[in-house]
Amino acid sequence: MLRLKSKKEVLQEYESRYPELDNYFMNELSKEYDRYAELLKDCETKEEAYKIFSKEIKENEKRYRDNAMLNGLEASLDVQFMEILAQYGLIKFFKDNILDE
């Protein structure tokens, strides 16, 4: 069975990279850990876990494409792009750091 690092380990890793983060962000990051732990709970292999992360990335990209088409020229895509990019960074962080070797 696939093993996950503890929430404490993962959050400490993120905090070590970005020590200026406030409690609100760390609480949100904690919720993301819980969400990924739930998504990964039935995975037996890293390959199964990577498929879940790949799906998360595709859904994130789709959100950007959908928003870009809906808002057209009336809205700034810069804010949407930055939100999508930030979410992509979180997905990649969890992909790289939640699985226990």
PDB file of N, CA and C in Angstrom:
ATOM      1  N   MET A   1       0.837  -1.188   0.000  1.00  0.00           N
ATOM      2  CA  MET A   1       0.000   0.000   0.000  1.00  0.00           C
ATOM      3  C   MET A   1       0.883   1.253   0.000  1.00  0.00           C
ATOM      4  N   LEU A   2       0.433   2.248  -0.678  1.00  0.00           N
ATOM      5  CA  LEU A   2       1.143   3.513  -0.778  1.00  0.00           C
ATOM      6  C   LEU A   2       1.089   4.246   0.554  1.00  0.00           C
ATOM      7  N   ARG A   3       2.228   4.771   0.986  1.00  0.00           N
ATOM      8  CA  ARG A   3       2.266   5.497   2.252  1.00  0.00           C
ATOM      9  C   ARG A   3       2.473   6.985   1.992  1.00  0.00           C
ATOM     10  N   LEU A   4       1.807   7.787   2.816  1.00  0.00           N
ATOM     11  CA  LEU A   4       1.931   9.236   2.724  1.00  0.00           C
ATOM     12  C   LEU A   4       2.765   9.757   3.889  1.00  0.00           C
ATOM     13  N   LYS A   5       3.476  10.829   3.636  1.00  0.00           N
ATOM     14  CA  LYS A   5       4.165  11.507   4.731  1.00  0.00           C
ATOM     15  C   LYS A   5       3.106  12.137   5.628  1.00  0.00           C
ATOM     16  N   SER A   6       3.468  12.393   6.853  1.00  0.00           N
ATOM     17  CA  SER A   6       2.524  13.011   7.777  1.00  0.00           C
ATOM     18  C   SER A   6       2.252  14.450   7.362  1.00  0.00           C
ATOM     19  N   LYS A   7       1.108  14.940   7.781  1.00  0.00           N
ATOM     20  CA  LYS A   7       0.746  16.328   7.490  1.00  0.00           C
ATOM     21  C   LYS A   7       1.813  17.273   8.043  1.00  0.00           C
ATOM     22  N   LYS A   8       2.279  16.983   9.238  1.00  0.00           N
ATOM     23  CA  LYS A   8       3.296  17.835   9.875  1.00  0.00           C
ATOM     24  C   LYS A   8       4.557  17.911   9.017  1.00  0.00           C
ATOM     25  N   GLU A   9       5.014  16.775   8.505  1.00  0.00           N
ATOM     26  CA  GLU A   9       6.214  16.744   7.657  1.00  0.00           C
ATOM     27  C   GLU A   9       6.033  17.600   6.401  1.00  0.00           C
ATOM     28  N   VAL A  10       4.889  17.421   5.760  1.00  0.00           N
ATOM     29  CA  VAL A  10       4.629  18.117   4.499  1.00  0.00           C
ATOM     30  C   VAL A  10       4.510  19.620   4.733  1.00  0.00           C
ATOM     31  N   LEU A  11       3.776  20.015   5.765  1.00  0.00           N
ATOM     32  CA  LEU A  11       3.616  21.443   6.052  1.00  0.00           C
ATOM     33  C   LEU A  11       4.940  22.076   6.462  1.00  0.00           C
ATOM     34  N   GLN A  12       5.763  21.339   7.200  1.00  0.00           N
ATOM     35  CA  GLN A  12       7.076  21.866   7.585  1.00  0.00           C
ATOM     36  C   GLN A  12       7.964  22.064   6.356  1.00  0.00           C
ATOM     37  N   GLU A  13       7.846  21.168   5.395  1.00  0.00           N
ATOM     38  CA  GLU A  13       8.629  21.304   4.158  1.00  0.00           C
ATOM     39  C   GLU A  13       8.240  22.583   3.424  1.00  0.00           C
ATOM     40  N   TYR A  14       6.942  22.828   3.320  1.00  0.00           N
ATOM     41  CA  TYR A  14       6.473  24.036   2.634  1.00  0.00           C
ATOM     42  C   TYR A  14       6.904  25.277   3.402  1.00  0.00           C
ATOM     43  N   GLU A  15       6.735  25.232   4.707  1.00  0.00           N
ATOM     44  CA  GLU A  15       7.086  26.389   5.540  1.00  0.00           C
ATOM     45  C   GLU A  15       8.587  26.667   5.499  1.00  0.00           C
ATOM     46  N   SER A  16       9.403  25.633   5.370  1.00  0.00           N
ATOM     47  CA  SER A  16      10.851  25.839   5.296  1.00  0.00           C
ATOM     48  C   SER A  16      11.237  26.590   4.015  1.00  0.00           C
ATOM     49  N   ARG A  17      10.440  26.423   2.983  1.00  0.00           N
ATOM     50  CA  ARG A  17      10.691  27.129   1.724  1.00  0.00           C
ATOM     51  C   ARG A  17      10.162  28.558   1.754  1.00  0.00           C
ATOM     52  N   TYR A  18       9.071  28.756   2.486  1.00  0.00           N
ATOM     53  CA  TYR A  18       8.393  30.054   2.525  1.00  0.00           C
ATOM     54  C   TYR A  18       8.069  30.429   3.973  1.00  0.00           C
ATOM     55  N   PRO A  19       9.069  30.788   4.756  1.00  0.00           N
ATOM     56  CA  PRO A  19       8.843  31.044   6.182  1.00  0.00           C
ATOM     57  C   PRO A  19       7.956  32.255   6.468  1.00  0.00           C
ATOM     58  N   GLU A  20       7.734  33.098   5.484  1.00  0.00           N
ATOM     59  CA  GLU A  20       6.922  34.297   5.698  1.00  0.00           C
ATOM     60  C   GLU A  20       5.420  34.028   5.629  1.00  0.00           C
ATOM     61  N   LEU A  21       5.022  32.801   5.391  1.00  0.00           N
ATOM     62  CA  LEU A  21       3.601  32.484   5.271  1.00  0.00           C
ATOM     63  C   LEU A  21       2.876  32.682   6.599  1.00  0.00           C
ATOM     64  N   ASP A  22       1.656  33.178   6.504  1.00  0.00           N
ATOM     65  CA  ASP A  22       0.886  33.425   7.719  1.00  0.00           C
ATOM     66  C   ASP A  22       0.035  32.202   8.085  1.00  0.00           C
ATOM     67  N   ASN A  23      -0.620  32.282   9.231  1.00  0.00           N
ATOM     68  CA  ASN A  23      -1.429  31.166   9.723  1.00  0.00           C
ATOM     69  C   ASN A  23      -2.581  30.830   8.789  1.00  0.00           C
ATOM     70  N   TYR A  24      -3.184  31.856   8.191  1.00  0.00           N
ATOM     71  CA  TYR A  24      -4.302  31.603   7.273  1.00  0.00           C
ATOM     72  C   TYR A  24      -3.845  30.690   6.133  1.00  0.00           C
ATOM     73  N   PHE A  25      -2.719  31.023   5.513  1.00  0.00           N
ATOM     74  CA  PHE A  25      -2.248  30.211   4.394  1.00  0.00           C
ATOM     75  C   PHE A  25      -1.889  28.806   4.868  1.00  0.00           C
ATOM     76  N   MET A  26      -1.254  28.690   6.017  1.00  0.00           N
ATOM     77  CA  MET A  26      -0.885  27.367   6.510  1.00  0.00           C
ATOM     78  C   MET A  26      -2.130  26.534   6.815  1.00  0.00           C
ATOM     79  N   ASN A  27      -3.204  27.164   7.292  1.00  0.00           N
ATOM     80  CA  ASN A  27      -4.462  26.447   7.514  1.00  0.00           C
ATOM     81  C   ASN A  27      -5.053  25.967   6.191  1.00  0.00           C
ATOM     82  N   GLU A  28      -4.978  26.816   5.170  1.00  0.00           N
ATOM     83  CA  GLU A  28      -5.470  26.420   3.838  1.00  0.00           C
ATOM     84  C   GLU A  28      -4.625  25.275   3.282  1.00  0.00           C
ATOM     85  N   LEU A  29      -3.327  25.352   3.481  1.00  0.00           N
ATOM     86  CA  LEU A  29      -2.435  24.289   3.030  1.00  0.00           C
ATOM     87  C   LEU A  29      -2.745  22.983   3.761  1.00  0.00           C
ATOM     88  N   SER A  30      -3.088  23.079   5.025  1.00  0.00           N
ATOM     89  CA  SER A  30      -3.481  21.913   5.807  1.00  0.00           C
ATOM     90  C   SER A  30      -4.733  21.268   5.212  1.00  0.00           C
ATOM     91  N   LYS A  31      -5.684  22.084   4.785  1.00  0.00           N
ATOM     92  CA  LYS A  31      -6.899  21.570   4.145  1.00  0.00           C
ATOM     93  C   LYS A  31      -6.559  20.872   2.832  1.00  0.00           C
ATOM     94  N   GLU A  32      -5.611  21.435   2.094  1.00  0.00           N
ATOM     95  CA  GLU A  32      -5.186  20.800   0.835  1.00  0.00           C
ATOM     96  C   GLU A  32      -4.553  19.445   1.115  1.00  0.00           C
ATOM     97  N   TYR A  33      -3.755  19.364   2.167  1.00  0.00           N
ATOM     98  CA  TYR A  33      -3.168  18.078   2.538  1.00  0.00           C
ATOM     99  C   TYR A  33      -4.285  17.062   2.784  1.00  0.00           C
ATOM    100  N   ASP A  34      -5.288  17.463   3.562  1.00  0.00           N
ATOM    101  CA  ASP A  34      -6.404  16.556   3.865  1.00  0.00           C
ATOM    102  C   ASP A  34      -7.115  16.121   2.587  1.00  0.00           C
ATOM    103  N   ARG A  35      -7.297  17.054   1.663  1.00  0.00           N
ATOM    104  CA  ARG A  35      -7.971  16.734   0.398  1.00  0.00           C
ATOM    105  C   ARG A  35      -7.156  15.709  -0.396  1.00  0.00           C
ATOM    106  N   TYR A  36      -5.845  15.930  -0.484  1.00  0.00           N
ATOM    107  CA  TYR A  36      -5.012  14.978  -1.223  1.00  0.00           C
ATOM    108  C   TYR A  36      -4.923  13.635  -0.504  1.00  0.00           C
ATOM    109  N   ALA A  37      -4.849  13.640   0.810  1.00  0.00           N
ATOM    110  CA  ALA A  37      -4.816  12.380   1.560  1.00  0.00           C
ATOM    111  C   ALA A  37      -6.072  11.569   1.257  1.00  0.00           C
ATOM    112  N   GLU A  38      -7.215  12.252   1.167  1.00  0.00           N
ATOM    113  CA  GLU A  38      -8.471  11.567   0.841  1.00  0.00           C
ATOM    114  C   GLU A  38      -8.446  11.028  -0.595  1.00  0.00           C
ATOM    115  N   LEU A  39      -7.957  11.832  -1.534  1.00  0.00           N
ATOM    116  CA  LEU A  39      -7.892  11.386  -2.929  1.00  0.00           C
ATOM    117  C   LEU A  39      -6.959  10.189  -3.107  1.00  0.00           C
ATOM    118  N   LEU A  40      -5.914  10.137  -2.306  1.00  0.00           N
ATOM    119  CA  LEU A  40      -4.882   9.117  -2.477  1.00  0.00           C
ATOM    120  C   LEU A  40      -5.077   7.884  -1.594  1.00  0.00           C
ATOM    121  N   LYS A  41      -6.091   7.891  -0.750  1.00  0.00           N
ATOM    122  CA  LYS A  41      -6.227   6.841   0.270  1.00  0.00           C
ATOM    123  C   LYS A  41      -6.338   5.430  -0.304  1.00  0.00           C
ATOM    124  N   ASP A  42      -6.882   5.283  -1.492  1.00  0.00           N
ATOM    125  CA  ASP A  42      -7.055   3.944  -2.064  1.00  0.00           C
ATOM    126  C   ASP A  42      -5.958   3.564  -3.056  1.00  0.00           C
ATOM    127  N   CYS A  43      -4.979   4.426  -3.229  1.00  0.00           N
ATOM    128  CA  CYS A  43      -3.892   4.134  -4.176  1.00  0.00           C
ATOM    129  C   CYS A  43      -2.963   3.062  -3.609  1.00  0.00           C
ATOM    130  N   GLU A  44      -2.587   2.155  -4.466  1.00  0.00           N
ATOM    131  CA  GLU A  44      -1.653   1.098  -4.082  1.00  0.00           C
ATOM    132  C   GLU A  44      -0.237   1.405  -4.557  1.00  0.00           C
ATOM    133  N   THR A  45      -0.116   2.174  -5.642  1.00  0.00           N
ATOM    134  CA  THR A  45       1.199   2.436  -6.235  1.00  0.00           C
ATOM    135  C   THR A  45       1.381   3.928  -6.504  1.00  0.00           C
ATOM    136  N   LYS A  46       2.638   4.297  -6.708  1.00  0.00           N
ATOM    137  CA  LYS A  46       2.925   5.687  -7.068  1.00  0.00           C
ATOM    138  C   LYS A  46       2.303   6.037  -8.410  1.00  0.00           C
ATOM    139  N   GLU A  47       2.248   5.077  -9.312  1.00  0.00           N
ATOM    140  CA  GLU A  47       1.665   5.327 -10.626  1.00  0.00           C
ATOM    141  C   GLU A  47       0.200   5.717 -10.494  1.00  0.00           C
ATOM    142  N   GLU A  48      -0.530   5.048  -9.624  1.00  0.00           N
ATOM    143  CA  GLU A  48      -1.931   5.410  -9.389  1.00  0.00           C
ATOM    144  C   GLU A  48      -2.027   6.823  -8.807  1.00  0.00           C
ATOM    145  N   ALA A  49      -1.131   7.133  -7.895  1.00  0.00           N
ATOM    146  CA  ALA A  49      -1.127   8.474  -7.296  1.00  0.00           C
ATOM    147  C   ALA A  49      -0.806   9.522  -8.358  1.00  0.00           C
ATOM    148  N   TYR A  50       0.166   9.240  -9.206  1.00  0.00           N
ATOM    149  CA  TYR A  50       0.542  10.203 -10.244  1.00  0.00           C
ATOM    150  C   TYR A  50      -0.598  10.452 -11.222  1.00  0.00           C
ATOM    151  N   LYS A  51      -1.426   9.437 -11.462  1.00  0.00           N
ATOM    152  CA  LYS A  51      -2.597   9.627 -12.317  1.00  0.00           C
ATOM    153  C   LYS A  51      -3.568  10.619 -11.684  1.00  0.00           C
ATOM    154  N   ILE A  52      -3.717  10.549 -10.385  1.00  0.00           N
ATOM    155  CA  ILE A  52      -4.590  11.493  -9.685  1.00  0.00           C
ATOM    156  C   ILE A  52      -4.040  12.903  -9.810  1.00  0.00           C
ATOM    157  N   PHE A  53      -2.735  13.062  -9.625  1.00  0.00           N
ATOM    158  CA  PHE A  53      -2.139  14.393  -9.759  1.00  0.00           C
ATOM    159  C   PHE A  53      -2.245  14.904 -11.199  1.00  0.00           C
ATOM    160  N   SER A  54      -2.083  14.005 -12.158  1.00  0.00           N
ATOM    161  CA  SER A  54      -2.227  14.391 -13.565  1.00  0.00           C
ATOM    162  C   SER A  54      -3.646  14.881 -13.841  1.00  0.00           C
ATOM    163  N   LYS A  55      -4.627  14.200 -13.267  1.00  0.00           N
ATOM    164  CA  LYS A  55      -6.028  14.615 -13.420  1.00  0.00           C
ATOM    165  C   LYS A  55      -6.246  15.987 -12.790  1.00  0.00           C
ATOM    166  N   GLU A  56      -5.646  16.225 -11.638  1.00  0.00           N
ATOM    167  CA  GLU A  56      -5.758  17.521 -10.969  1.00  0.00           C
ATOM    168  C   GLU A  56      -5.182  18.633 -11.852  1.00  0.00           C
ATOM    169  N   ILE A  57      -4.051  18.371 -12.477  1.00  0.00           N
ATOM    170  CA  ILE A  57      -3.421  19.358 -13.358  1.00  0.00           C
ATOM    171  C   ILE A  57      -4.314  19.636 -14.559  1.00  0.00           C
ATOM    172  N   LYS A  58      -4.869  18.596 -15.151  1.00  0.00           N
ATOM    173  CA  LYS A  58      -5.752  18.781 -16.305  1.00  0.00           C
ATOM    174  C   LYS A  58      -6.996  19.583 -15.934  1.00  0.00           C
ATOM    175  N   GLU A  59      -7.567  19.300 -14.779  1.00  0.00           N
ATOM    176  CA  GLU A  59      -8.743  20.057 -14.330  1.00  0.00           C
ATOM    177  C   GLU A  59      -8.382  21.523 -14.089  1.00  0.00           C
ATOM    178  N   ASN A  60      -7.207  21.762 -13.558  1.00  0.00           N
ATOM    179  CA  ASN A  60      -6.741  23.125 -13.326  1.00  0.00           C
ATOM    180  C   ASN A  60      -6.578  23.871 -14.655  1.00  0.00           C
ATOM    181  N   GLU A  61      -5.983  23.213 -15.637  1.00  0.00           N
ATOM    182  CA  GLU A  61      -5.820  23.833 -16.962  1.00  0.00           C
ATOM    183  C   GLU A  61      -7.173  24.101 -17.609  1.00  0.00           C
ATOM    184  N   LYS A  62      -8.110  23.190 -17.434  1.00  0.00           N
ATOM    185  CA  LYS A  62      -9.446  23.359 -17.998  1.00  0.00           C
ATOM    186  C   LYS A  62     -10.132  24.580 -17.377  1.00  0.00           C
ATOM    187  N   ARG A  63      -9.929  24.777 -16.080  1.00  0.00           N
ATOM    188  CA  ARG A  63     -10.499  25.946 -15.409  1.00  0.00           C
ATOM    189  C   ARG A  63     -10.016  27.241 -16.059  1.00  0.00           C
ATOM    190  N   TYR A  64      -8.752  27.276 -16.399  1.00  0.00           N
ATOM    191  CA  TYR A  64      -8.214  28.472 -17.051  1.00  0.00           C
ATOM    192  C   TYR A  64      -8.838  28.659 -18.434  1.00  0.00           C
ATOM    193  N   ARG A  65      -8.879  27.594 -19.217  1.00  0.00           N
ATOM    194  CA  ARG A  65      -9.460  27.696 -20.568  1.00  0.00           C
ATOM    195  C   ARG A  65     -10.920  28.112 -20.497  1.00  0.00           C
ATOM    196  N   ASP A  66     -11.672  27.504 -19.587  1.00  0.00           N
ATOM    197  CA  ASP A  66     -13.093  27.841 -19.452  1.00  0.00           C
ATOM    198  C   ASP A  66     -13.285  29.294 -19.037  1.00  0.00           C
ATOM    199  N   ASN A  67     -12.512  29.762 -18.075  1.00  0.00           N
ATOM    200  CA  ASN A  67     -12.608  31.152 -17.629  1.00  0.00           C
ATOM    201  C   ASN A  67     -12.215  32.117 -18.730  1.00  0.00           C
ATOM    202  N   ALA A  68     -11.201  31.774 -19.482  1.00  0.00           N
ATOM    203  CA  ALA A  68     -10.740  32.651 -20.557  1.00  0.00           C
ATOM    204  C   ALA A  68     -11.833  32.811 -21.611  1.00  0.00           C
ATOM    205  N   MET A  69     -12.535  31.725 -21.930  1.00  0.00           N
ATOM    206  CA  MET A  69     -13.581  31.792 -22.947  1.00  0.00           C
ATOM    207  C   MET A  69     -14.817  32.521 -22.418  1.00  0.00           C
ATOM    208  N   LEU A  70     -15.151  32.323 -21.148  1.00  0.00           N
ATOM    209  CA  LEU A  70     -16.329  32.973 -20.577  1.00  0.00           C
ATOM    210  C   LEU A  70     -16.164  34.484 -20.454  1.00  0.00           C
ATOM    211  N   ASN A  71     -15.009  34.912 -20.014  1.00  0.00           N
ATOM    212  CA  ASN A  71     -14.818  36.321 -19.714  1.00  0.00           C
ATOM    213  C   ASN A  71     -14.352  37.151 -20.901  1.00  0.00           C
ATOM    214  N   GLY A  72     -13.795  36.516 -21.868  1.00  0.00           N
ATOM    215  CA  GLY A  72     -13.372  37.217 -23.067  1.00  0.00           C
ATOM    216  C   GLY A  72     -12.548  38.450 -22.785  1.00  0.00           C
ATOM    217  N   LEU A  73     -12.856  39.527 -23.494  1.00  0.00           N
ATOM    218  CA  LEU A  73     -12.078  40.746 -23.388  1.00  0.00           C
ATOM    219  C   LEU A  73     -12.457  41.608 -22.194  1.00  0.00           C
ATOM    220  N   GLU A  74     -13.562  41.302 -21.539  1.00  0.00           N
ATOM    221  CA  GLU A  74     -14.039  42.170 -20.474  1.00  0.00           C
ATOM    222  C   GLU A  74     -13.260  42.032 -19.174  1.00  0.00           C
ATOM    223  N   ALA A  75     -12.618  40.931 -18.948  1.00  0.00           N
ATOM    224  CA  ALA A  75     -11.935  40.707 -17.678  1.00  0.00           C
ATOM    225  C   ALA A  75     -10.437  40.512 -17.909  1.00  0.00           C
ATOM    226  N   SER A  76      -9.688  40.843 -16.910  1.00  0.00           N
ATOM    227  CA  SER A  76      -8.246  40.637 -16.984  1.00  0.00           C
ATOM    228  C   SER A  76      -7.936  39.170 -16.737  1.00  0.00           C
ATOM    229  N   LEU A  77      -7.269  38.553 -17.672  1.00  0.00           N
ATOM    230  CA  LEU A  77      -6.885  37.155 -17.501  1.00  0.00           C
ATOM    231  C   LEU A  77      -5.648  37.027 -16.632  1.00  0.00           C
ATOM    232  N   ASP A  78      -4.978  38.149 -16.356  1.00  0.00           N
ATOM    233  CA  ASP A  78      -3.782  38.093 -15.528  1.00  0.00           C
ATOM    234  C   ASP A  78      -4.082  37.520 -14.151  1.00  0.00           C
ATOM    235  N   VAL A  79      -5.152  37.963 -13.518  1.00  0.00           N
ATOM    236  CA  VAL A  79      -5.511  37.476 -12.186  1.00  0.00           C
ATOM    237  C   VAL A  79      -5.874  35.998 -12.262  1.00  0.00           C
ATOM    238  N   GLN A  80      -6.674  35.643 -13.245  1.00  0.00           N
ATOM    239  CA  GLN A  80      -7.049  34.236 -13.407  1.00  0.00           C
ATOM    240  C   GLN A  80      -5.811  33.381 -13.660  1.00  0.00           C
ATOM    241  N   PHE A  81      -4.916  33.874 -14.509  1.00  0.00           N
ATOM    242  CA  PHE A  81      -3.702  33.125 -14.829  1.00  0.00           C
ATOM    243  C   PHE A  81      -2.871  32.902 -13.571  1.00  0.00           C
ATOM    244  N   MET A  82      -2.732  33.925 -12.748  1.00  0.00           N
ATOM    245  CA  MET A  82      -1.941  33.802 -11.530  1.00  0.00           C
ATOM    246  C   MET A  82      -2.576  32.815 -10.557  1.00  0.00           C
ATOM    247  N   GLU A  83      -3.902  32.798 -10.468  1.00  0.00           N
ATOM    248  CA  GLU A  83      -4.586  31.835  -9.603  1.00  0.00           C
ATOM    249  C   GLU A  83      -4.349  30.406 -10.093  1.00  0.00           C
ATOM    250  N   ILE A  84      -4.443  30.222 -11.394  1.00  0.00           N
ATOM    251  CA  ILE A  84      -4.227  28.894 -11.984  1.00  0.00           C
ATOM    252  C   ILE A  84      -2.779  28.467 -11.768  1.00  0.00           C
ATOM    253  N   LEU A  85      -1.856  29.392 -11.973  1.00  0.00           N
ATOM    254  CA  LEU A  85      -0.444  29.096 -11.781  1.00  0.00           C
ATOM    255  C   LEU A  85      -0.153  28.735 -10.325  1.00  0.00           C
ATOM    256  N   ALA A  86      -0.748  29.463  -9.382  1.00  0.00           N
ATOM    257  CA  ALA A  86      -0.561  29.160  -7.961  1.00  0.00           C
ATOM    258  C   ALA A  86      -1.108  27.777  -7.633  1.00  0.00           C
ATOM    259  N   GLN A  87      -2.278  27.450  -8.166  1.00  0.00           N
ATOM    260  CA  GLN A  87      -2.858  26.129  -7.921  1.00  0.00           C
ATOM    261  C   GLN A  87      -1.986  25.038  -8.517  1.00  0.00           C
ATOM    262  N   TYR A  88      -1.439  25.289  -9.703  1.00  0.00           N
ATOM    263  CA  TYR A  88      -0.538  24.321 -10.328  1.00  0.00           C
ATOM    264  C   TYR A  88       0.673  24.090  -9.427  1.00  0.00           C
ATOM    265  N   GLY A  89       1.199  25.170  -8.851  1.00  0.00           N
ATOM    266  CA  GLY A  89       2.345  25.046  -7.947  1.00  0.00           C
ATOM    267  C   GLY A  89       2.029  24.188  -6.731  1.00  0.00           C
ATOM    268  N   LEU A  90       0.826  24.342  -6.200  1.00  0.00           N
ATOM    269  CA  LEU A  90       0.426  23.522  -5.051  1.00  0.00           C
ATOM    270  C   LEU A  90       0.273  22.053  -5.446  1.00  0.00           C
ATOM    271  N   ILE A  91      -0.312  21.817  -6.607  1.00  0.00           N
ATOM    272  CA  ILE A  91      -0.463  20.433  -7.079  1.00  0.00           C
ATOM    273  C   ILE A  91       0.914  19.787  -7.204  1.00  0.00           C
ATOM    274  N   LYS A  92       1.843  20.499  -7.842  1.00  0.00           N
ATOM    275  CA  LYS A  92       3.203  19.968  -8.026  1.00  0.00           C
ATOM    276  C   LYS A  92       3.895  19.754  -6.681  1.00  0.00           C
ATOM    277  N   PHE A  93       3.702  20.697  -5.754  1.00  0.00           N
ATOM    278  CA  PHE A  93       4.321  20.541  -4.437  1.00  0.00           C
ATOM    279  C   PHE A  93       3.831  19.263  -3.771  1.00  0.00           C
ATOM    280  N   PHE A  94       2.529  19.052  -3.755  1.00  0.00           N
ATOM    281  CA  PHE A  94       2.005  17.850  -3.105  1.00  0.00           C
ATOM    282  C   PHE A  94       2.437  16.593  -3.851  1.00  0.00           C
ATOM    283  N   LYS A  95       2.462  16.647  -5.170  1.00  0.00           N
ATOM    284  CA  LYS A  95       2.920  15.495  -5.940  1.00  0.00           C
ATOM    285  C   LYS A  95       4.348  15.120  -5.552  1.00  0.00           C
ATOM    286  N   ASP A  96       5.188  16.129  -5.363  1.00  0.00           N
ATOM    287  CA  ASP A  96       6.605  15.899  -5.061  1.00  0.00           C
ATOM    288  C   ASP A  96       6.871  15.608  -3.593  1.00  0.00           C
ATOM    289  N   ASN A  97       5.944  15.946  -2.693  1.00  0.00           N
ATOM    290  CA  ASN A  97       6.280  15.877  -1.268  1.00  0.00           C
ATOM    291  C   ASN A  97       5.353  15.058  -0.379  1.00  0.00           C
ATOM    292  N   ILE A  98       4.206  14.619  -0.854  1.00  0.00           N
ATOM    293  CA  ILE A  98       3.287  13.911   0.041  1.00  0.00           C
ATOM    294  C   ILE A  98       3.563  12.408   0.096  1.00  0.00           C
ATOM    295  N   LEU A  99       4.130  11.862  -0.948  1.00  0.00           N
ATOM    296  CA  LEU A  99       4.372  10.414  -0.984  1.00  0.00           C
ATOM    297  C   LEU A  99       5.608  10.053  -0.177  1.00  0.00           C
ATOM    298  N   ASP A 100       5.476   9.044   0.660  1.00  0.00           N
ATOM    299  CA  ASP A 100       6.589   8.575   1.477  1.00  0.00           C
ATOM    300  C   ASP A 100       7.367   7.559   0.655  1.00  0.00           C
ATOM    301  N   GLU A 101       8.659   7.734   0.623  1.00  0.00           N
ATOM    302  CA  GLU A 101       9.509   6.824  -0.164  1.00  0.00           C
ATOM    303  C   GLU A 101       9.570   5.527   0.521  1.00  0.00           C
TER     304      GLU A 101
END
